[in-house]
PDB file of N, CA and C in Angstrom:
ATOM      1  N   UNK A   1      69.045 104.086  98.899  1.00  0.00           N
ATOM      2  CA  UNK A   1      70.009 103.404  99.995  1.00  0.00           C
ATOM      3  C   UNK A   1      69.639 104.142 101.283  1.00  0.00           C
ATOM      4  N   UNK A   2      69.412 102.906 101.911  1.00  0.00           N
ATOM      5  CA  UNK A   2      68.964 103.449 103.557  1.00  0.00           C
ATOM      6  C   UNK A   2      70.196 104.022 104.710  1.00  0.00           C
ATOM      7  N   UNK A   3      69.341 105.064 105.702  1.00  0.00           N
ATOM      8  CA  UNK A   3      70.707 105.929 105.800  1.00  0.00           C
ATOM      9  C   UNK A   3      71.608 105.750 106.168  1.00  0.00           C
ATOM     10  N   UNK A   4      71.144 104.768 106.757  1.00  0.00           N
ATOM     11  CA  UNK A   4      72.355 104.212 107.886  1.00  0.00           C
ATOM     12  C   UNK A   4      73.958 103.753 106.561  1.00  0.00           C
ATOM     13  N   UNK A   5      73.077 102.456 105.056  1.00  0.00           N
ATOM     14  CA  UNK A   5      73.543 102.226 104.730  1.00  0.00           C
ATOM     15  C   UNK A   5      74.948 102.922 104.122  1.00  0.00           C
ATOM     16  N   UNK A   6      74.628 104.178 104.060  1.00  0.00           N
ATOM     17  CA  UNK A   6      74.706 105.467 102.846  1.00  0.00           C
ATOM     18  C   UNK A   6      76.324 105.645 103.521  1.00  0.00           C
ATOM     19  N   UNK A   7      75.908 106.762 105.666  1.00  0.00           N
ATOM     20  CA  UNK A   7      77.156 106.851 106.304  1.00  0.00           C
ATOM     21  C   UNK A   7      77.750 106.183 106.942  1.00  0.00           C
ATOM     22  N   UNK A   8      77.634 104.134 106.396  1.00  0.00           N
ATOM     23  CA  UNK A   8      78.546 103.381 106.419  1.00  0.00           C
ATOM     24  C   UNK A   8      79.635 103.760 105.088  1.00  0.00           C
ATOM     25  N   UNK A   9      78.994 103.642 103.955  1.00  0.00           N
ATOM     26  CA  UNK A   9      79.798 103.464 102.698  1.00  0.00           C
ATOM     27  C   UNK A   9      80.518 104.945 103.111  1.00  0.00           C
ATOM     28  N   UNK A  10      80.675 106.273 103.384  1.00  0.00           N
ATOM     29  CA  UNK A  10      81.246 107.126 103.373  1.00  0.00           C
ATOM     30  C   UNK A  10      82.439 106.427 104.151  1.00  0.00           C
ATOM     31  N   UNK A  11      81.857 106.530 105.645  1.00  0.00           N
ATOM     32  CA  UNK A  11      82.655 106.341 106.770  1.00  0.00           C
ATOM     33  C   UNK A  11      84.424 104.641 105.326  1.00  0.00           C
ATOM     34  N   UNK A  12      83.584 104.367 104.254  1.00  0.00           N
ATOM     35  CA  UNK A  12      84.725 103.433 104.392  1.00  0.00           C
ATOM     36  C   UNK A  12      85.383 104.201 102.701  1.00  0.00           C
ATOM     37  N   UNK A  13      84.157 105.044 102.570  1.00  0.00           N
ATOM     38  CA  UNK A  13      85.229 105.696 100.907  1.00  0.00           C
ATOM     39  C   UNK A  13      86.086 106.880 101.337  1.00  0.00           C
ATOM     40  N   UNK A  14      85.905 107.363 103.419  1.00  0.00           N
ATOM     41  CA  UNK A  14      87.046 107.777 103.677  1.00  0.00           C
ATOM     42  C   UNK A  14      88.206 107.201 104.575  1.00  0.00           C
ATOM     43  N   UNK A  15      87.797 106.314 104.651  1.00  0.00           N
ATOM     44  CA  UNK A  15      88.852 105.206 105.764  1.00  0.00           C
ATOM     45  C   UNK A  15      89.956 104.376 104.205  1.00  0.00           C
ATOM     46  N   UNK A  16      88.919 104.832 102.647  1.00  0.00           N
ATOM     47  CA  UNK A  16      90.322 104.182 101.401  1.00  0.00           C
ATOM     48  C   UNK A  16      90.992 105.595 101.530  1.00  0.00           C
ATOM     49  N   UNK A  17      90.777 106.571 101.410  1.00  0.00           N
ATOM     50  CA  UNK A  17      91.267 107.816 101.272  1.00  0.00           C
ATOM     51  C   UNK A  17      92.059 107.451 101.840  1.00  0.00           C
ATOM     52  N   UNK A  18      91.806 107.796 102.927  1.00  0.00           N
ATOM     53  CA  UNK A  18      93.189 108.071 103.817  1.00  0.00           C
ATOM     54  C   UNK A  18      94.058 106.985 103.832  1.00  0.00           C
ATOM     55  N   UNK A  19      93.954 106.222 103.764  1.00  0.00           N
ATOM     56  CA  UNK A  19      94.876 104.762 103.480  1.00  0.00           C
ATOM     57  C   UNK A  19      95.469 105.414 102.433  1.00  0.00           C
ATOM     58  N   UNK A  20      95.963 105.790 101.090  1.00  0.00           N
ATOM     59  CA  UNK A  20      95.674 106.019  99.645  1.00  0.00           C
ATOM     60  C   UNK A  20      96.934 106.801 100.288  1.00  0.00           C
ATOM     61  N   UNK A  21      96.466 108.552 100.266  1.00  0.00           N
ATOM     62  CA  UNK A  21      96.557 109.434 101.007  1.00  0.00           C
ATOM     63  C   UNK A  21      98.510 109.180 102.144  1.00  0.00           C
ATOM     64  N   UNK A  22      98.162 107.992 102.717  1.00  0.00           N
ATOM     65  CA  UNK A  22      99.637 108.100 104.502  1.00  0.00           C
ATOM     66  C   UNK A  22     100.232 106.892 103.386  1.00  0.00           C
ATOM     67  N   UNK A  23     100.303 106.132 102.072  1.00  0.00           N
ATOM     68  CA  UNK A  23     100.943 105.030 101.270  1.00  0.00           C
ATOM     69  C   UNK A  23     101.940 106.457 100.619  1.00  0.00           C
ATOM     70  N   UNK A  24     101.180 107.556  99.885  1.00  0.00           N
ATOM     71  CA  UNK A  24     101.341 108.362  98.884  1.00  0.00           C
ATOM     72  C   UNK A  24     102.637 109.509 100.340  1.00  0.00           C
ATOM     73  N   UNK A  25     101.743 109.098 101.001  1.00  0.00           N
ATOM     74  CA  UNK A  25     102.683 111.035 102.002  1.00  0.00           C
ATOM     75  C   UNK A  25     103.542 109.265 102.538  1.00  0.00           C
ATOM     76  N   UNK A  26     104.231 108.940 102.096  1.00  0.00           N
ATOM     77  CA  UNK A  26     105.245 108.103 102.624  1.00  0.00           C
ATOM     78  C   UNK A  26     106.265 107.801 101.558  1.00  0.00           C
ATOM     79  N   UNK A  27     105.418 107.285 100.211  1.00  0.00           N
ATOM     80  CA  UNK A  27     106.238 107.529  99.497  1.00  0.00           C
ATOM     81  C   UNK A  27     107.139 108.793  99.133  1.00  0.00           C
ATOM     82  N   UNK A  28     106.449 109.686  98.974  1.00  0.00           N
ATOM     83  CA  UNK A  28     106.353 111.329  98.770  1.00  0.00           C
ATOM     84  C   UNK A  28     108.188 111.500 100.388  1.00  0.00           C
ATOM     85  N   UNK A  29     108.381 110.737 100.930  1.00  0.00           N
ATOM     86  CA  UNK A  29     109.042 110.914 101.678  1.00  0.00           C
ATOM     87  C   UNK A  29     110.498 110.398 101.548  1.00  0.00           C
ATOM     88  N   UNK A  30     109.568 109.005 100.746  1.00  0.00           N
ATOM     89  CA  UNK A  30     110.950 108.492 100.712  1.00  0.00           C
ATOM     90  C   UNK A  30     111.885 109.066  99.139  1.00  0.00           C
ATOM     91  N   UNK A  31     110.580 109.497  98.244  1.00  0.00           N
ATOM     92  CA  UNK A  31     111.519 109.897  96.578  1.00  0.00           C
ATOM     93  C   UNK A  31     112.410 111.348  97.418  1.00  0.00           C
ATOM     94  N   UNK A  32     112.445 111.791  98.331  1.00  0.00           N
ATOM     95  CA  UNK A  32     112.530 113.046  98.592  1.00  0.00           C
ATOM     96  C   UNK A  32     113.911 113.184  99.503  1.00  0.00           C
ATOM     97  N   UNK A  33     114.244 112.221  99.735  1.00  0.00           N
ATOM     98  CA  UNK A  33     115.171 112.567 101.133  1.00  0.00           C
ATOM     99  C   UNK A  33     115.786 112.632 100.610  1.00  0.00           C
ATOM    100  N   UNK A  34     116.504 111.717  98.947  1.00  0.00           N
ATOM    101  CA  UNK A  34     118.001 112.340  98.645  1.00  0.00           C
ATOM    102  C   UNK A  34     117.562 113.584  98.348  1.00  0.00           C
ATOM    103  N   UNK A  35     116.644 114.207  97.813  1.00  0.00           N
ATOM    104  CA  UNK A  35     116.862 115.871  97.529  1.00  0.00           C
ATOM    105  C   UNK A  35     116.561 115.645  96.251  1.00  0.00           C
ATOM    106  N   UNK A  36     115.841 113.835  95.370  1.00  0.00           N
ATOM    107  CA  UNK A  36     116.493 113.860  94.040  1.00  0.00           C
ATOM    108  C   UNK A  36     114.488 114.703  93.452  1.00  0.00           C
ATOM    109  N   UNK A  37     113.799 113.896  94.562  1.00  0.00           N
ATOM    110  CA  UNK A  37     112.526 114.489  94.181  1.00  0.00           C
ATOM    111  C   UNK A  37     111.789 113.873  93.024  1.00  0.00           C
ATOM    112  N   UNK A  38     111.725 112.804  92.899  1.00  0.00           N
ATOM    113  CA  UNK A  38     112.146 112.016  91.644  1.00  0.00           C
ATOM    114  C   UNK A  38     110.443 111.480  91.349  1.00  0.00           C
ATOM    115  N   UNK A  39     109.278 112.005  91.772  1.00  0.00           N
ATOM    116  CA  UNK A  39     108.040 111.917  91.654  1.00  0.00           C
ATOM    117  C   UNK A  39     107.428 113.537  91.643  1.00  0.00           C
ATOM    118  N   UNK A  40     108.369 114.353  91.538  1.00  0.00           N
ATOM    119  CA  UNK A  40     108.061 115.965  92.330  1.00  0.00           C
ATOM    120  C   UNK A  40     107.457 116.454  93.091  1.00  0.00           C
ATOM    121  N   UNK A  41     106.834 117.278  93.491  1.00  0.00           N
ATOM    122  CA  UNK A  41     106.038 117.372  94.798  1.00  0.00           C
ATOM    123  C   UNK A  41     104.789 117.345  95.429  1.00  0.00           C
ATOM    124  N   UNK A  42     105.002 116.568  96.264  1.00  0.00           N
ATOM    125  CA  UNK A  42     103.083 115.674  95.969  1.00  0.00           C
ATOM    126  C   UNK A  42     102.083 116.507  96.991  1.00  0.00           C
ATOM    127  N   UNK A  43     102.611 116.969  97.570  1.00  0.00           N
ATOM    128  CA  UNK A  43     102.389 118.218  99.056  1.00  0.00           C
ATOM    129  C   UNK A  43     100.865 118.370  98.980  1.00  0.00           C
ATOM    130  N   UNK A  44     100.949 118.529  97.695  1.00  0.00           N
ATOM    131  CA  UNK A  44      98.905 120.125  96.992  1.00  0.00           C
ATOM    132  C   UNK A  44      98.907 118.241  96.439  1.00  0.00           C
ATOM    133  N   UNK A  45      99.203 116.875  95.916  1.00  0.00           N
ATOM    134  CA  UNK A  45      98.121 115.741  95.971  1.00  0.00           C
ATOM    135  C   UNK A  45      97.544 115.575  98.059  1.00  0.00           C
ATOM    136  N   UNK A  46      98.273 115.406  98.488  1.00  0.00           N
ATOM    137  CA  UNK A  46      97.920 115.337 100.171  1.00  0.00           C
ATOM    138  C   UNK A  46      97.429 116.152 100.036  1.00  0.00           C
ATOM    139  N   UNK A  47      97.381 116.733 100.160  1.00  0.00           N
ATOM    140  CA  UNK A  47      96.675 118.490 101.498  1.00  0.00           C
ATOM    141  C   UNK A  47      94.783 118.939 100.245  1.00  0.00           C
ATOM    142  N   UNK A  48      94.847 117.615  98.867  1.00  0.00           N
ATOM    143  CA  UNK A  48      93.824 117.424  98.211  1.00  0.00           C
ATOM    144  C   UNK A  48      92.434 116.194  98.951  1.00  0.00           C
ATOM    145  N   UNK A  49      93.690 115.718  99.115  1.00  0.00           N
ATOM    146  CA  UNK A  49      93.154 114.326  99.757  1.00  0.00           C
ATOM    147  C   UNK A  49      92.730 114.928 100.748  1.00  0.00           C
ATOM    148  N   UNK A  50      93.536 115.347 102.322  1.00  0.00           N
ATOM    149  CA  UNK A  50      92.566 115.773 102.678  1.00  0.00           C
ATOM    150  C   UNK A  50      91.687 116.374 102.969  1.00  0.00           C
ATOM    151  N   UNK A  51      91.102 116.980 101.777  1.00  0.00           N
ATOM    152  CA  UNK A  51      89.985 118.097 101.965  1.00  0.00           C
ATOM    153  C   UNK A  51      89.214 117.088 101.517  1.00  0.00           C
ATOM    154  N   UNK A  52      89.655 116.038 100.570  1.00  0.00           N
ATOM    155  CA  UNK A  52      88.560 114.911 100.016  1.00  0.00           C
ATOM    156  C   UNK A  52      88.196 114.228 101.889  1.00  0.00           C
ATOM    157  N   UNK A  53      88.782 113.987 102.676  1.00  0.00           N
ATOM    158  CA  UNK A  53      88.971 112.653 103.277  1.00  0.00           C
ATOM    159  C   UNK A  53      86.801 113.762 103.979  1.00  0.00           C
ATOM    160  N   UNK A  54      88.029 115.152 104.785  1.00  0.00           N
ATOM    161  CA  UNK A  54      86.628 116.050 105.659  1.00  0.00           C
ATOM    162  C   UNK A  54      85.376 116.152 104.802  1.00  0.00           C
ATOM    163  N   UNK A  55      85.557 115.747 103.825  1.00  0.00           N
ATOM    164  CA  UNK A  55      84.274 116.415 102.995  1.00  0.00           C
ATOM    165  C   UNK A  55      83.448 114.820 103.008  1.00  0.00           C
ATOM    166  N   UNK A  56      84.194 113.957 102.366  1.00  0.00           N
ATOM    167  CA  UNK A  56      83.776 112.531 103.083  1.00  0.00           C
ATOM    168  C   UNK A  56      82.650 112.237 104.835  1.00  0.00           C
ATOM    169  N   UNK A  57      83.190 112.722 105.467  1.00  0.00           N
ATOM    170  CA  UNK A  57      83.592 112.355 106.578  1.00  0.00           C
ATOM    171  C   UNK A  57      81.933 113.535 107.678  1.00  0.00           C
ATOM    172  N   UNK A  58      82.508 114.586 107.054  1.00  0.00           N
ATOM    173  CA  UNK A  58      80.967 115.883 106.867  1.00  0.00           C
ATOM    174  C   UNK A  58      79.727 114.941 106.083  1.00  0.00           C
ATOM    175  N   UNK A  59      80.048 114.466 104.488  1.00  0.00           N
ATOM    176  CA  UNK A  59      78.817 113.167 104.024  1.00  0.00           C
ATOM    177  C   UNK A  59      78.151 114.898 103.329  1.00  0.00           C
ATOM    178  N   UNK A  60      79.320 115.393 102.785  1.00  0.00           N
ATOM    179  CA  UNK A  60      79.236 117.122 101.407  1.00  0.00           C
ATOM    180  C   UNK A  60      80.244 116.691 101.228  1.00  0.00           C
ATOM    181  N   UNK A  61      79.238 115.635  99.870  1.00  0.00           N
ATOM    182  CA  UNK A  61      79.886 116.107  98.794  1.00  0.00           C
ATOM    183  C   UNK A  61      79.771 116.358  97.559  1.00  0.00           C
ATOM    184  N   UNK A  62      80.571 117.260  97.473  1.00  0.00           N
ATOM    185  CA  UNK A  62      80.019 118.586  95.679  1.00  0.00           C
ATOM    186  C   UNK A  62      80.738 117.964  94.604  1.00  0.00           C
ATOM    187  N   UNK A  63      80.069 119.062  93.379  1.00  0.00           N
ATOM    188  CA  UNK A  63      81.020 118.641  92.477  1.00  0.00           C
ATOM    189  C   UNK A  63      82.847 119.832  92.545  1.00  0.00           C
ATOM    190  N   UNK A  64      82.839 120.786  93.527  1.00  0.00           N
ATOM    191  CA  UNK A  64      83.835 120.603  93.507  1.00  0.00           C
ATOM    192  C   UNK A  64      85.392 119.139  93.946  1.00  0.00           C
ATOM    193  N   UNK A  65      84.793 118.461  94.588  1.00  0.00           N
ATOM    194  CA  UNK A  65      84.883 117.044  95.073  1.00  0.00           C
ATOM    195  C   UNK A  65      85.460 116.090  93.729  1.00  0.00           C
ATOM    196  N   UNK A  66      84.314 116.203  93.236  1.00  0.00           N
ATOM    197  CA  UNK A  66      83.869 114.907  92.180  1.00  0.00           C
ATOM    198  C   UNK A  66      85.213 115.688  91.625  1.00  0.00           C
ATOM    199  N   UNK A  67      85.058 116.761  90.738  1.00  0.00           N
ATOM    200  CA  UNK A  67      86.944 117.527  90.078  1.00  0.00           C
ATOM    201  C   UNK A  67      88.216 117.491  90.846  1.00  0.00           C
ATOM    202  N   UNK A  68      88.148 117.392  92.419  1.00  0.00           N
ATOM    203  CA  UNK A  68      89.330 117.251  92.881  1.00  0.00           C
ATOM    204  C   UNK A  68      89.906 115.535  92.812  1.00  0.00           C
ATOM    205  N   UNK A  69      88.649 115.122  92.949  1.00  0.00           N
ATOM    206  CA  UNK A  69      89.059 112.894  92.855  1.00  0.00           C
ATOM    207  C   UNK A  69      89.129 113.359  91.440  1.00  0.00           C
ATOM    208  N   UNK A  70      88.798 113.745  89.838  1.00  0.00           N
ATOM    209  CA  UNK A  70      89.561 113.455  89.452  1.00  0.00           C
ATOM    210  C   UNK A  70      90.600 114.160  89.092  1.00  0.00           C
ATOM    211  N   UNK A  71      90.765 115.262  89.400  1.00  0.00           N
ATOM    212  CA  UNK A  71      92.378 115.021  89.536  1.00  0.00           C
ATOM    213  C   UNK A  71      93.865 114.918  90.430  1.00  0.00           C
ATOM    214  N   UNK A  72      92.781 114.663  91.075  1.00  0.00           N
ATOM    215  CA  UNK A  72      93.371 113.197  92.289  1.00  0.00           C
ATOM    216  C   UNK A  72      94.528 112.006  90.731  1.00  0.00           C
ATOM    217  N   UNK A  73      93.178 111.322  90.662  1.00  0.00           N
ATOM    218  CA  UNK A  73      93.070 110.614  90.286  1.00  0.00           C
ATOM    219  C   UNK A  73      94.431 110.444  88.343  1.00  0.00           C
ATOM    220  N   UNK A  74      94.259 111.919  88.188  1.00  0.00           N
ATOM    221  CA  UNK A  74      95.376 111.959  86.742  1.00  0.00           C
ATOM    222  C   UNK A  74      96.663 111.715  87.409  1.00  0.00           C
ATOM    223  N   UNK A  75      96.771 112.355  87.808  1.00  0.00           N
ATOM    224  CA  UNK A  75      98.022 112.939  88.256  1.00  0.00           C
ATOM    225  C   UNK A  75      98.860 111.384  89.189  1.00  0.00           C
ATOM    226  N   UNK A  76      98.469 111.067  89.600  1.00  0.00           N
ATOM    227  CA  UNK A  76      98.526 109.582  90.128  1.00  0.00           C
ATOM    228  C   UNK A  76      98.981 109.093  89.709  1.00  0.00           C
ATOM    229  N   UNK A  77      97.766 108.425  87.727  1.00  0.00           N
ATOM    230  CA  UNK A  77      97.853 107.658  87.082  1.00  0.00           C
ATOM    231  C   UNK A  77      99.257 108.342  86.376  1.00  0.00           C
ATOM    232  N   UNK A  78      99.126 109.606  86.065  1.00  0.00           N
ATOM    233  CA  UNK A  78     100.964 110.285  85.536  1.00  0.00           C
ATOM    234  C   UNK A  78     101.577 109.874  85.529  1.00  0.00           C
ATOM    235  N   UNK A  79     101.941 109.683  87.235  1.00  0.00           N
ATOM    236  CA  UNK A  79     103.468 109.666  88.363  1.00  0.00           C
ATOM    237  C   UNK A  79     103.465 107.880  87.670  1.00  0.00           C
ATOM    238  N   UNK A  80     102.528 107.329  88.188  1.00  0.00           N
ATOM    239  CA  UNK A  80     102.149 105.677  87.508  1.00  0.00           C
ATOM    240  C   UNK A  80     103.441 105.428  86.309  1.00  0.00           C
ATOM    241  N   UNK A  81     102.812 106.177  85.239  1.00  0.00           N
ATOM    242  CA  UNK A  81     102.861 106.098  84.125  1.00  0.00           C
ATOM    243  C   UNK A  81     104.927 106.604  83.481  1.00  0.00           C
ATOM    244  N   UNK A  82     105.289 108.268  84.785  1.00  0.00           N
ATOM    245  CA  UNK A  82     106.243 107.995  84.350  1.00  0.00           C
ATOM    246  C   UNK A  82     107.376 106.735  85.653  1.00  0.00           C
ATOM    247  N   UNK A  83     106.868 106.616  86.354  1.00  0.00           N
ATOM    248  CA  UNK A  83     107.441 105.302  87.054  1.00  0.00           C
ATOM    249  C   UNK A  83     107.330 104.547  85.765  1.00  0.00           C
ATOM    250  N   UNK A  84     107.418 103.687  85.045  1.00  0.00           N
ATOM    251  CA  UNK A  84     107.380 102.794  84.806  1.00  0.00           C
ATOM    252  C   UNK A  84     108.154 103.376  83.566  1.00  0.00           C
ATOM    253  N   UNK A  85     108.236 104.799  83.664  1.00  0.00           N
ATOM    254  CA  UNK A  85     108.739 104.889  81.533  1.00  0.00           C
ATOM    255  C   UNK A  85     110.562 105.099  82.647  1.00  0.00           C
ATOM    256  N   UNK A  86     110.166 105.094  83.182  1.00  0.00           N
ATOM    257  CA  UNK A  86     112.059 105.190  84.426  1.00  0.00           C
ATOM    258  C   UNK A  86     111.819 104.203  84.644  1.00  0.00           C
ATOM    259  N   UNK A  87     111.695 103.686  84.604  1.00  0.00           N
ATOM    260  CA  UNK A  87     111.927 102.309  85.499  1.00  0.00           C
ATOM    261  C   UNK A  87     112.358 101.360  83.543  1.00  0.00           C
ATOM    262  N   UNK A  88     111.357 101.562  83.329  1.00  0.00           N
ATOM    263  CA  UNK A  88     111.739 100.411  81.658  1.00  0.00           C
ATOM    264  C   UNK A  88     113.321 101.492  80.280  1.00  0.00           C
ATOM    265  N   UNK A  89     113.129 102.856  81.333  1.00  0.00           N
ATOM    266  CA  UNK A  89     114.326 103.414  81.017  1.00  0.00           C
ATOM    267  C   UNK A  89     115.625 102.815  80.821  1.00  0.00           C
ATOM    268  N   UNK A  90     115.602 102.743  82.524  1.00  0.00           N
ATOM    269  CA  UNK A  90     116.775 102.091  83.178  1.00  0.00           C
ATOM    270  C   UNK A  90     117.650 100.348  82.978  1.00  0.00           C
ATOM    271  N   UNK A  91     116.456  99.246  82.750  1.00  0.00           N
ATOM    272  CA  UNK A  91     116.034  98.854  82.530  1.00  0.00           C
ATOM    273  C   UNK A  91     116.331  98.755  80.216  1.00  0.00           C
ATOM    274  N   UNK A  92     116.842  99.536  79.919  1.00  0.00           N
ATOM    275  CA  UNK A  92     117.058  98.780  78.425  1.00  0.00           C
ATOM    276  C   UNK A  92     118.460  99.210  78.220  1.00  0.00           C
ATOM    277  N   UNK A  93     118.389  99.975  79.359  1.00  0.00           N
ATOM    278  CA  UNK A  93     120.509 101.107  79.576  1.00  0.00           C
ATOM    279  C   UNK A  93     121.427  99.189  79.890  1.00  0.00           C
ATOM    280  N   UNK A  94     120.778  98.929  80.698  1.00  0.00           N
ATOM    281  CA  UNK A  94     121.711  98.070  81.375  1.00  0.00           C
ATOM    282  C   UNK A  94     121.393  96.530  80.965  1.00  0.00           C
ATOM    283  N   UNK A  95     120.097  96.748  79.443  1.00  0.00           N
ATOM    284  CA  UNK A  95     120.185  94.778  78.518  1.00  0.00           C
ATOM    285  C   UNK A  95     121.066  95.286  77.468  1.00  0.00           C
ATOM    286  N   UNK A  96     121.152  97.274  76.812  1.00  0.00           N
ATOM    287  CA  UNK A  96     121.541  97.246  75.766  1.00  0.00           C
ATOM    288  C   UNK A  96     123.103  97.208  76.023  1.00  0.00           C
ATOM    289  N   UNK A  97     124.007  97.868  77.070  1.00  0.00           N
ATOM    290  CA  UNK A  97     125.175  97.657  77.104  1.00  0.00           C
ATOM    291  C   UNK A  97     125.568  95.770  76.974  1.00  0.00           C
ATOM    292  N   UNK A  98     124.462  94.926  77.261  1.00  0.00           N
ATOM    293  CA  UNK A  98     125.057  93.345  78.339  1.00  0.00           C
ATOM    294  C   UNK A  98     124.852  92.682  75.783  1.00  0.00           C
ATOM    295  N   UNK A  99     124.070  93.126  75.025  1.00  0.00           N
ATOM    296  CA  UNK A  99     123.631  92.874  74.210  1.00  0.00           C
ATOM    297  C   UNK A  99     123.387  93.262  72.509  1.00  0.00           C
ATOM    298  N   UNK A 100     124.276  92.889  72.134  1.00  0.00           N
ATOM    299  CA  UNK A 100     125.012  93.578  70.888  1.00  0.00           C
ATOM    300  C   UNK A 100     123.950  93.655  69.604  1.00  0.00           C
ATOM    301  N   UNK A 101     123.941  94.320  68.916  1.00  0.00           N
ATOM    302  CA  UNK A 101     123.202  93.568  67.795  1.00  0.00           C
ATOM    303  C   UNK A 101     124.137  92.442  66.390  1.00  0.00           C
ATOM    304  N   UNK A 102     122.835  91.442  65.905  1.00  0.00           N
ATOM    305  CA  UNK A 102     124.370  90.815  65.080  1.00  0.00           C
ATOM    306  C   UNK A 102     125.003  91.706  64.142  1.00  0.00           C
ATOM    307  N   UNK A 103     124.876  91.967  63.511  1.00  0.00           N
ATOM    308  CA  UNK A 103     125.571  93.403  62.232  1.00  0.00           C
ATOM    309  C   UNK A 103     127.043  93.716  63.451  1.00  0.00           C
ATOM    310  N   UNK A 104     126.149  94.338  64.464  1.00  0.00           N
ATOM    311  CA  UNK A 104     127.869  94.277  65.382  1.00  0.00           C
ATOM    312  C   UNK A 104     128.995  93.864  66.344  1.00  0.00           C
ATOM    313  N   UNK A 105     128.130  92.915  65.732  1.00  0.00           N
ATOM    314  CA  UNK A 105     128.958  91.037  66.155  1.00  0.00           C
ATOM    315  C   UNK A 105     130.419  91.226  65.339  1.00  0.00           C
ATOM    316  N   UNK A 106     129.770  91.048  64.576  1.00  0.00           N
ATOM    317  CA  UNK A 106     130.422  90.959  63.607  1.00  0.00           C
ATOM    318  C   UNK A 106     131.773  91.037  62.810  1.00  0.00           C
ATOM    319  N   UNK A 107     131.446  93.325  62.836  1.00  0.00           N
ATOM    320  CA  UNK A 107     131.671  93.822  62.236  1.00  0.00           C
ATOM    321  C   UNK A 107     132.546  94.240  63.493  1.00  0.00           C
ATOM    322  N   UNK A 108     132.444  93.973  65.032  1.00  0.00           N
ATOM    323  CA  UNK A 108     133.374  93.216  65.266  1.00  0.00           C
ATOM    324  C   UNK A 108     134.917  92.543  65.613  1.00  0.00           C
ATOM    325  N   UNK A 109     134.258  91.191  65.134  1.00  0.00           N
ATOM    326  CA  UNK A 109     135.085  89.879  64.571  1.00  0.00           C
ATOM    327  C   UNK A 109     135.758  90.689  63.543  1.00  0.00           C
ATOM    328  N   UNK A 110     135.490  91.203  62.508  1.00  0.00           N
ATOM    329  CA  UNK A 110     136.028  91.365  61.403  1.00  0.00           C
ATOM    330  C   UNK A 110     137.192  92.330  61.948  1.00  0.00           C
ATOM    331  N   UNK A 111     137.950  93.772  62.694  1.00  0.00           N
ATOM    332  CA  UNK A 111     138.265  94.483  62.961  1.00  0.00           C
ATOM    333  C   UNK A 111     138.892  93.949  64.066  1.00  0.00           C
ATOM    334  N   UNK A 112     138.559  92.744  64.699  1.00  0.00           N
ATOM    335  CA  UNK A 112     139.424  91.710  65.693  1.00  0.00           C
ATOM    336  C   UNK A 112     140.714  91.107  64.373  1.00  0.00           C
ATOM    337  N   UNK A 113     140.070  90.282  63.398  1.00  0.00           N
ATOM    338  CA  UNK A 113     140.557  89.455  62.287  1.00  0.00           C
ATOM    339  C   UNK A 113     142.606  91.284  61.859  1.00  0.00           C
ATOM    340  N   UNK A 114     141.123  91.646  60.965  1.00  0.00           N
ATOM    341  CA  UNK A 114     142.473  93.066  60.608  1.00  0.00           C
ATOM    342  C   UNK A 114     143.228  93.146  61.794  1.00  0.00           C
ATOM    343  N   UNK A 115     142.720  93.696  62.618  1.00  0.00           N
ATOM    344  CA  UNK A 115     143.726  94.333  63.595  1.00  0.00           C
ATOM    345  C   UNK A 115     144.628  93.242  64.166  1.00  0.00           C
ATOM    346  N   UNK A 116     144.760  91.834  64.105  1.00  0.00           N
ATOM    347  CA  UNK A 116     145.697  91.300  64.186  1.00  0.00           C
ATOM    348  C   UNK A 116     147.027  90.553  63.321  1.00  0.00           C
ATOM    349  N   UNK A 117     146.067  90.973  62.250  1.00  0.00           N
ATOM    350  CA  UNK A 117     146.235  90.864  60.592  1.00  0.00           C
ATOM    351  C   UNK A 117     147.856  92.647  60.208  1.00  0.00           C
ATOM    352  N   UNK A 118     147.535  93.675  61.150  1.00  0.00           N
ATOM    353  CA  UNK A 118     148.455  93.975  60.999  1.00  0.00           C
ATOM    354  C   UNK A 118     149.160  95.029  61.865  1.00  0.00           C
ATOM    355  N   UNK A 119     148.598  93.574  63.272  1.00  0.00           N
ATOM    356  CA  UNK A 119     150.116  93.856  63.861  1.00  0.00           C
ATOM    357  C   UNK A 119     151.449  92.715  63.742  1.00  0.00           C
ATOM    358  N   UNK A 120     150.283  92.368  63.066  1.00  0.00           N
ATOM    359  CA  UNK A 120     151.611  91.332  62.367  1.00  0.00           C
ATOM    360  C   UNK A 120     153.008  90.749  61.489  1.00  0.00           C
ATOM    361  N   UNK A 121     152.608  92.909  60.950  1.00  0.00           N
ATOM    362  CA  UNK A 121     153.027  93.332  59.432  1.00  0.00           C
ATOM    363  C   UNK A 121     151.908  93.002  58.563  1.00  0.00           C
ATOM    364  N   UNK A 122     150.927  93.035  58.003  1.00  0.00           N
ATOM    365  CA  UNK A 122     150.633  92.468  56.545  1.00  0.00           C
ATOM    366  C   UNK A 122     149.612  93.498  56.401  1.00  0.00           C
ATOM    367  N   UNK A 123     150.393  94.510  55.851  1.00  0.00           N
ATOM    368  CA  UNK A 123     150.979  96.027  55.059  1.00  0.00           C
ATOM    369  C   UNK A 123     149.363  95.919  53.983  1.00  0.00           C
ATOM    370  N   UNK A 124     149.348  94.448  53.892  1.00  0.00           N
ATOM    371  CA  UNK A 124     148.060  94.608  52.243  1.00  0.00           C
ATOM    372  C   UNK A 124     147.185  94.735  52.552  1.00  0.00           C
ATOM    373  N   UNK A 125     146.733  95.053  54.650  1.00  0.00           N
ATOM    374  CA  UNK A 125     145.682  94.714  55.616  1.00  0.00           C
ATOM    375  C   UNK A 125     144.115  95.753  54.712  1.00  0.00           C
ATOM    376  N   UNK A 126     142.631  95.075  54.659  1.00  0.00           N
ATOM    377  CA  UNK A 126     141.836  95.112  54.377  1.00  0.00           C
ATOM    378  C   UNK A 126     141.567  96.800  55.658  1.00  0.00           C
ATOM    379  N   UNK A 127     140.734  97.743  54.681  1.00  0.00           N
ATOM    380  CA  UNK A 127     140.743  98.522  55.138  1.00  0.00           C
ATOM    381  C   UNK A 127     139.614  98.750  56.139  1.00  0.00           C
ATOM    382  N   UNK A 128     139.155  99.110  57.856  1.00  0.00           N
ATOM    383  CA  UNK A 128     138.004  99.152  58.575  1.00  0.00           C
ATOM    384  C   UNK A 128     136.931 100.158  57.288  1.00  0.00           C
TER     385      UNK A 128
END
């Protein structure tokens, strides 16, 4: 790869890393503004991204840089999975409150019939 093209690639990667870092900083601020700290403290990952940006700008890629990037990627994927699971859990809770299984509905109807019979004075009602 020609030297000029390589410099452009490093600059492009540094810019992409910066954009990802800035988005992560925004997410970190939004998640932590209410004190819940939903995704945990992302500050270390942000600092790691700054270090990678600096190394890209200086065209200094070492094994440590690659290891750092793998670690960042793993942490981002873990955060994404945690967020997805949290979203699914809240969706399940909302759905579970609305949709009952058919057997529960049948049991509820039976309970209502027996309750009505007892209220109307029938002594030999089936037990629930």
